[in-house]
Amino acid sequence: MSADPVPITRHPHERMSRQISYELHYGKSEKEHDPIDLYVGNEDSVVWFCRDHKFRVLTVYPQTLKAPARLFYRRFPEDNLDFAYHVNSGPPRPGTGDEFLYKPIFQFEDGTILDPHIRTHK
């Protein structure tokens, strides 16, 4: 005797995870880069990319006082010290989505630094 499978339904307002493509523009300031809105409960991730300059992520640190120290499971820069044209953040860690502000620090091959923002949401 086999049972009928239970249908899986999603709440109409529930979103699936996104892979956010975010372009870094070499030579533009932080203010010229929009913040990223990251939904932790949906397990959004970010693919940072730059079309014409290699870069690496030095760190992603909290700017909100009570935010957990690590936003992502991935450790920056320990997990990859190489410069590249794109870097994937991987999913955020649980508990980091309470309207916190994080600051990723990017370094280009010539030493130039860029530091836009990430806003987290549940």
N, C-alpha and C. Protein backbone atom coordinates (compact mmCIF):
# COMPACT_ATOMS: atom_id res chain seq x y z
N MET A 1 0.84 -1.16 0.00
CA MET A 1 0.00 0.00 0.00
C MET A 1 0.91 1.24 0.00
N SER A 2 0.72 2.13 -0.95
CA SER A 2 1.53 3.33 -0.99
C SER A 2 0.66 4.55 -0.68
N ALA A 3 1.26 5.45 0.02
CA ALA A 3 0.54 6.67 0.38
C ALA A 3 0.75 7.71 -0.72
N ASP A 4 -0.25 8.55 -0.91
CA ASP A 4 -0.10 9.63 -1.86
C ASP A 4 0.90 10.64 -1.30
N PRO A 5 1.75 11.20 -2.16
CA PRO A 5 2.71 12.19 -1.66
C PRO A 5 1.98 13.44 -1.16
N VAL A 6 2.54 14.02 -0.15
CA VAL A 6 1.98 15.25 0.41
C VAL A 6 2.45 16.41 -0.47
N PRO A 7 1.51 17.21 -0.99
CA PRO A 7 1.94 18.33 -1.84
C PRO A 7 2.67 19.38 -1.01
N ILE A 8 3.68 19.94 -1.63
CA ILE A 8 4.44 21.02 -0.99
C ILE A 8 3.91 22.33 -1.53
N THR A 9 3.47 23.17 -0.63
CA THR A 9 2.97 24.48 -1.05
C THR A 9 3.81 25.56 -0.39
N ARG A 10 3.91 26.66 -1.07
CA ARG A 10 4.65 27.79 -0.54
C ARG A 10 3.66 28.92 -0.28
N HIS A 11 3.93 29.68 0.74
CA HIS A 11 3.12 30.85 1.04
C HIS A 11 3.24 31.79 -0.16
N PRO A 12 2.16 32.45 -0.58
CA PRO A 12 2.23 33.29 -1.77
C PRO A 12 3.23 34.44 -1.68
N HIS A 13 3.60 34.85 -0.45
CA HIS A 13 4.55 35.95 -0.30
C HIS A 13 5.96 35.44 -0.01
N GLU A 14 6.12 34.14 0.07
CA GLU A 14 7.42 33.57 0.36
C GLU A 14 8.25 33.52 -0.92
N ARG A 15 9.47 33.99 -0.83
CA ARG A 15 10.34 34.02 -2.00
C ARG A 15 11.33 32.88 -1.97
N MET A 16 11.79 32.52 -3.12
CA MET A 16 12.86 31.54 -3.24
C MET A 16 14.18 32.31 -3.15
N SER A 17 15.26 31.59 -2.87
CA SER A 17 16.55 32.26 -2.77
C SER A 17 16.96 32.85 -4.12
N ARG A 18 17.73 33.92 -4.02
CA ARG A 18 18.23 34.60 -5.22
C ARG A 18 19.74 34.53 -5.22
N GLN A 19 20.30 34.52 -6.40
CA GLN A 19 21.73 34.73 -6.54
C GLN A 19 21.85 36.12 -7.13
N ILE A 20 22.28 37.06 -6.30
CA ILE A 20 22.31 38.47 -6.68
C ILE A 20 23.62 38.75 -7.41
N SER A 21 23.52 39.22 -8.64
CA SER A 21 24.71 39.65 -9.39
C SER A 21 24.95 41.12 -9.07
N TYR A 22 26.16 41.42 -8.61
CA TYR A 22 26.47 42.79 -8.19
C TYR A 22 27.77 43.22 -8.84
N GLU A 23 27.68 44.22 -9.71
CA GLU A 23 28.87 44.67 -10.42
C GLU A 23 29.63 45.73 -9.62
N LEU A 24 30.93 45.47 -9.48
CA LEU A 24 31.83 46.45 -8.88
C LEU A 24 32.41 47.29 -10.00
N HIS A 25 32.38 48.60 -9.82
CA HIS A 25 32.88 49.51 -10.85
C HIS A 25 34.19 50.13 -10.36
N TYR A 26 35.27 49.68 -10.94
CA TYR A 26 36.59 50.19 -10.59
C TYR A 26 36.63 51.70 -10.84
N GLY A 27 37.12 52.45 -9.88
CA GLY A 27 37.23 53.89 -10.03
C GLY A 27 36.02 54.66 -9.52
N LYS A 28 34.93 53.96 -9.21
CA LYS A 28 33.76 54.64 -8.64
C LYS A 28 33.77 54.49 -7.12
N SER A 29 33.18 55.45 -6.45
CA SER A 29 33.19 55.47 -4.98
C SER A 29 32.11 54.56 -4.39
N GLU A 30 32.19 54.39 -3.09
CA GLU A 30 31.16 53.63 -2.35
C GLU A 30 29.78 54.21 -2.61
N LYS A 31 29.67 55.53 -2.61
CA LYS A 31 28.37 56.19 -2.79
C LYS A 31 27.78 55.93 -4.18
N GLU A 32 28.63 55.58 -5.14
CA GLU A 32 28.17 55.29 -6.49
C GLU A 32 27.79 53.81 -6.67
N HIS A 33 27.87 53.03 -5.59
CA HIS A 33 27.47 51.64 -5.58
C HIS A 33 26.27 51.48 -4.64
N ASP A 34 25.16 51.04 -5.15
CA ASP A 34 23.97 50.84 -4.32
C ASP A 34 24.20 49.74 -3.30
N PRO A 35 23.60 49.85 -2.11
CA PRO A 35 23.68 48.75 -1.14
C PRO A 35 22.98 47.50 -1.67
N ILE A 36 23.40 46.35 -1.19
CA ILE A 36 22.75 45.08 -1.53
C ILE A 36 21.73 44.80 -0.44
N ASP A 37 20.52 44.41 -0.82
CA ASP A 37 19.50 43.95 0.12
C ASP A 37 19.49 42.43 0.09
N LEU A 38 19.94 41.82 1.18
CA LEU A 38 20.12 40.37 1.26
C LEU A 38 19.09 39.78 2.20
N TYR A 39 18.31 38.81 1.73
CA TYR A 39 17.28 38.16 2.54
C TYR A 39 17.82 36.84 3.06
N VAL A 40 18.13 36.83 4.36
CA VAL A 40 18.79 35.69 4.99
C VAL A 40 17.89 34.46 5.02
N GLY A 41 16.61 34.63 5.34
CA GLY A 41 15.69 33.51 5.41
C GLY A 41 15.51 32.80 4.08
N ASN A 42 15.75 33.51 3.00
CA ASN A 42 15.65 32.92 1.67
C ASN A 42 16.98 32.34 1.20
N GLU A 43 18.01 32.51 1.99
CA GLU A 43 19.36 32.05 1.66
C GLU A 43 19.89 32.68 0.38
N ASP A 44 19.65 33.99 0.23
CA ASP A 44 20.22 34.71 -0.91
C ASP A 44 21.74 34.63 -0.85
N SER A 45 22.36 34.71 -2.01
CA SER A 45 23.81 34.81 -2.07
C SER A 45 24.17 35.89 -3.08
N VAL A 46 25.43 36.30 -3.07
CA VAL A 46 25.87 37.39 -3.94
C VAL A 46 27.02 36.89 -4.82
N VAL A 47 26.94 37.24 -6.10
CA VAL A 47 28.08 37.07 -6.98
C VAL A 47 28.57 38.48 -7.29
N TRP A 48 29.70 38.83 -6.68
CA TRP A 48 30.32 40.12 -6.98
C TRP A 48 31.18 39.94 -8.22
N PHE A 49 31.13 40.89 -9.15
CA PHE A 49 31.96 40.77 -10.33
C PHE A 49 32.42 42.15 -10.81
N CYS A 50 33.53 42.15 -11.52
CA CYS A 50 34.06 43.36 -12.14
C CYS A 50 34.50 42.96 -13.54
N ARG A 51 34.06 43.71 -14.53
CA ARG A 51 34.33 43.35 -15.92
C ARG A 51 35.78 43.56 -16.34
N ASP A 52 36.47 44.52 -15.73
CA ASP A 52 37.78 44.87 -16.26
C ASP A 52 38.93 44.86 -15.27
N HIS A 53 38.68 44.54 -14.00
CA HIS A 53 39.76 44.49 -13.01
C HIS A 53 39.53 43.32 -12.06
N LYS A 54 40.60 42.59 -11.78
CA LYS A 54 40.51 41.51 -10.79
C LYS A 54 40.51 42.11 -9.40
N PHE A 55 39.84 41.43 -8.48
CA PHE A 55 39.71 41.89 -7.10
C PHE A 55 39.62 40.69 -6.18
N ARG A 56 39.65 40.95 -4.89
CA ARG A 56 39.38 39.92 -3.89
C ARG A 56 38.64 40.57 -2.73
N VAL A 57 37.98 39.73 -1.93
CA VAL A 57 37.24 40.21 -0.76
C VAL A 57 38.19 40.09 0.43
N LEU A 58 38.52 41.21 1.04
CA LEU A 58 39.40 41.18 2.22
C LEU A 58 38.65 40.78 3.47
N THR A 59 37.43 41.30 3.62
CA THR A 59 36.62 41.00 4.80
C THR A 59 35.19 41.44 4.56
N VAL A 60 34.29 40.94 5.37
CA VAL A 60 32.92 41.43 5.44
C VAL A 60 32.64 41.58 6.93
N TYR A 61 32.56 42.83 7.39
CA TYR A 61 32.40 43.04 8.83
C TYR A 61 31.11 43.79 9.15
N PRO A 62 30.58 43.56 10.35
CA PRO A 62 29.32 44.22 10.73
C PRO A 62 29.53 45.69 11.06
N GLN A 63 28.59 46.51 10.62
CA GLN A 63 28.59 47.93 11.01
C GLN A 63 27.51 48.22 12.04
N THR A 64 26.58 47.29 12.21
CA THR A 64 25.54 47.41 13.22
C THR A 64 26.08 46.80 14.50
N LEU A 65 25.92 47.51 15.61
CA LEU A 65 26.53 47.12 16.88
C LEU A 65 26.26 45.68 17.29
N LYS A 66 25.02 45.22 17.22
CA LYS A 66 24.68 43.88 17.73
C LYS A 66 24.65 42.80 16.65
N ALA A 67 25.14 43.11 15.48
CA ALA A 67 25.15 42.13 14.39
C ALA A 67 26.19 41.04 14.67
N PRO A 68 25.87 39.79 14.31
CA PRO A 68 26.87 38.73 14.44
C PRO A 68 28.11 39.05 13.60
N ALA A 69 29.25 38.60 14.06
CA ALA A 69 30.52 38.95 13.41
C ALA A 69 30.61 38.44 11.97
N ARG A 70 30.14 37.24 11.72
CA ARG A 70 30.27 36.67 10.37
C ARG A 70 28.92 36.59 9.69
N LEU A 71 28.78 37.29 8.57
CA LEU A 71 27.54 37.25 7.79
C LEU A 71 27.43 35.96 6.99
N PHE A 72 28.49 35.54 6.36
CA PHE A 72 28.48 34.37 5.49
C PHE A 72 29.20 33.20 6.14
N TYR A 73 28.87 31.98 5.70
CA TYR A 73 29.62 30.81 6.14
C TYR A 73 31.05 30.90 5.63
N ARG A 74 31.19 31.40 4.42
CA ARG A 74 32.51 31.54 3.80
C ARG A 74 33.35 32.55 4.57
N ARG A 75 34.62 32.21 4.77
CA ARG A 75 35.53 33.11 5.48
C ARG A 75 36.32 33.92 4.46
N PHE A 76 36.28 35.23 4.60
CA PHE A 76 37.04 36.11 3.71
C PHE A 76 38.19 36.73 4.48
N PRO A 77 39.39 36.77 3.95
CA PRO A 77 39.82 36.25 2.65
C PRO A 77 40.38 34.83 2.73
N GLU A 78 40.33 34.21 3.88
CA GLU A 78 41.00 32.93 4.10
C GLU A 78 40.62 31.86 3.08
N ASP A 79 39.37 31.83 2.64
CA ASP A 79 38.93 30.78 1.72
C ASP A 79 39.48 30.94 0.31
N ASN A 80 39.90 32.15 -0.06
CA ASN A 80 40.51 32.36 -1.38
C ASN A 80 41.25 33.69 -1.37
N LEU A 81 42.56 33.62 -1.42
CA LEU A 81 43.39 34.83 -1.41
C LEU A 81 43.67 35.37 -2.81
N ASP A 82 43.29 34.62 -3.84
CA ASP A 82 43.58 35.02 -5.23
C ASP A 82 42.67 36.15 -5.68
N PHE A 83 43.18 36.96 -6.61
CA PHE A 83 42.37 37.98 -7.27
C PHE A 83 41.59 37.30 -8.40
N ALA A 84 40.36 37.74 -8.63
CA ALA A 84 39.52 37.15 -9.66
C ALA A 84 38.56 38.20 -10.21
N TYR A 85 37.89 37.86 -11.31
CA TYR A 85 36.89 38.76 -11.88
C TYR A 85 35.52 38.58 -11.24
N HIS A 86 35.34 37.49 -10.49
CA HIS A 86 34.06 37.27 -9.79
C HIS A 86 34.31 36.44 -8.54
N VAL A 87 33.49 36.70 -7.51
CA VAL A 87 33.56 35.98 -6.23
C VAL A 87 32.13 35.71 -5.78
N ASN A 88 31.87 34.48 -5.32
CA ASN A 88 30.55 34.11 -4.81
C ASN A 88 30.58 34.12 -3.29
N SER A 89 29.61 34.78 -2.68
CA SER A 89 29.57 34.90 -1.21
C SER A 89 29.17 33.59 -0.53
N GLY A 90 28.36 32.78 -1.20
CA GLY A 90 27.74 31.65 -0.52
C GLY A 90 26.58 32.17 0.31
N PRO A 91 25.81 31.28 0.95
CA PRO A 91 24.64 31.71 1.71
C PRO A 91 25.02 32.40 3.02
N PRO A 92 24.13 33.26 3.52
CA PRO A 92 24.37 33.90 4.82
C PRO A 92 24.10 32.93 5.96
N ARG A 93 24.67 33.24 7.10
CA ARG A 93 24.48 32.41 8.31
C ARG A 93 23.16 32.78 8.98
N PRO A 94 22.47 31.82 9.59
CA PRO A 94 21.24 32.12 10.33
C PRO A 94 21.51 33.15 11.43
N GLY A 95 20.52 33.98 11.70
CA GLY A 95 20.66 34.98 12.76
C GLY A 95 21.28 36.28 12.31
N THR A 96 21.61 36.40 11.01
CA THR A 96 22.23 37.62 10.52
C THR A 96 21.24 38.53 9.80
N GLY A 97 19.95 38.18 9.82
CA GLY A 97 18.98 38.91 9.02
C GLY A 97 18.10 39.88 9.77
N ASP A 98 18.55 40.40 10.87
CA ASP A 98 17.71 41.31 11.67
C ASP A 98 17.98 42.77 11.34
N GLU A 99 17.88 43.11 10.05
CA GLU A 99 18.06 44.50 9.62
C GLU A 99 19.43 45.03 10.02
N PHE A 100 20.46 44.23 9.80
CA PHE A 100 21.84 44.63 10.10
C PHE A 100 22.49 45.23 8.86
N LEU A 101 23.56 45.98 9.10
CA LEU A 101 24.35 46.57 8.03
C LEU A 101 25.74 45.96 8.09
N TYR A 102 26.21 45.44 6.96
CA TYR A 102 27.55 44.87 6.86
C TYR A 102 28.34 45.62 5.80
N LYS A 103 29.65 45.55 5.93
CA LYS A 103 30.54 46.29 5.04
C LYS A 103 31.56 45.32 4.43
N PRO A 104 31.40 44.94 3.16
CA PRO A 104 32.44 44.15 2.52
C PRO A 104 33.57 45.08 2.05
N ILE A 105 34.79 44.62 2.18
CA ILE A 105 35.94 45.40 1.73
C ILE A 105 36.58 44.64 0.56
N PHE A 106 36.60 45.28 -0.60
CA PHE A 106 37.19 44.70 -1.80
C PHE A 106 38.52 45.37 -2.08
N GLN A 107 39.47 44.58 -2.53
CA GLN A 107 40.78 45.12 -2.92
C GLN A 107 41.06 44.71 -4.36
N PHE A 108 41.38 45.70 -5.20
CA PHE A 108 41.76 45.42 -6.57
C PHE A 108 43.26 45.14 -6.61
N GLU A 109 43.74 44.58 -7.71
CA GLU A 109 45.15 44.18 -7.82
C GLU A 109 46.12 45.33 -7.58
N ASP A 110 45.72 46.56 -7.93
CA ASP A 110 46.62 47.70 -7.73
C ASP A 110 46.55 48.27 -6.31
N GLY A 111 45.77 47.63 -5.43
CA GLY A 111 45.66 48.08 -4.05
C GLY A 111 44.47 48.98 -3.78
N THR A 112 43.76 49.41 -4.81
CA THR A 112 42.56 50.24 -4.64
C THR A 112 41.52 49.49 -3.81
N ILE A 113 40.88 50.20 -2.90
CA ILE A 113 39.88 49.63 -1.99
C ILE A 113 38.50 50.16 -2.34
N LEU A 114 37.50 49.29 -2.27
CA LEU A 114 36.09 49.68 -2.45
C LEU A 114 35.30 49.03 -1.33
N ASP A 115 34.34 49.75 -0.76
CA ASP A 115 33.59 49.23 0.38
C ASP A 115 32.11 49.63 0.38
N PRO A 116 31.30 49.01 -0.51
CA PRO A 116 29.86 49.27 -0.48
C PRO A 116 29.20 48.55 0.71
N HIS A 117 27.89 48.64 0.83
CA HIS A 117 27.17 48.07 1.99
C HIS A 117 26.28 46.89 1.61
N ILE A 118 25.99 46.06 2.63
CA ILE A 118 24.99 45.00 2.52
C ILE A 118 23.99 45.23 3.66
N ARG A 119 22.70 45.30 3.32
CA ARG A 119 21.64 45.38 4.33
C ARG A 119 20.99 44.00 4.41
N THR A 120 20.87 43.47 5.62
CA THR A 120 20.25 42.15 5.76
C THR A 120 18.81 42.27 6.23
N HIS A 121 18.01 41.33 5.77
CA HIS A 121 16.60 41.26 6.14
C HIS A 121 16.26 39.81 6.44
N LYS A 122 15.20 39.59 7.21
CA LYS A 122 14.80 38.22 7.56
C LYS A 122 14.34 37.43 6.37
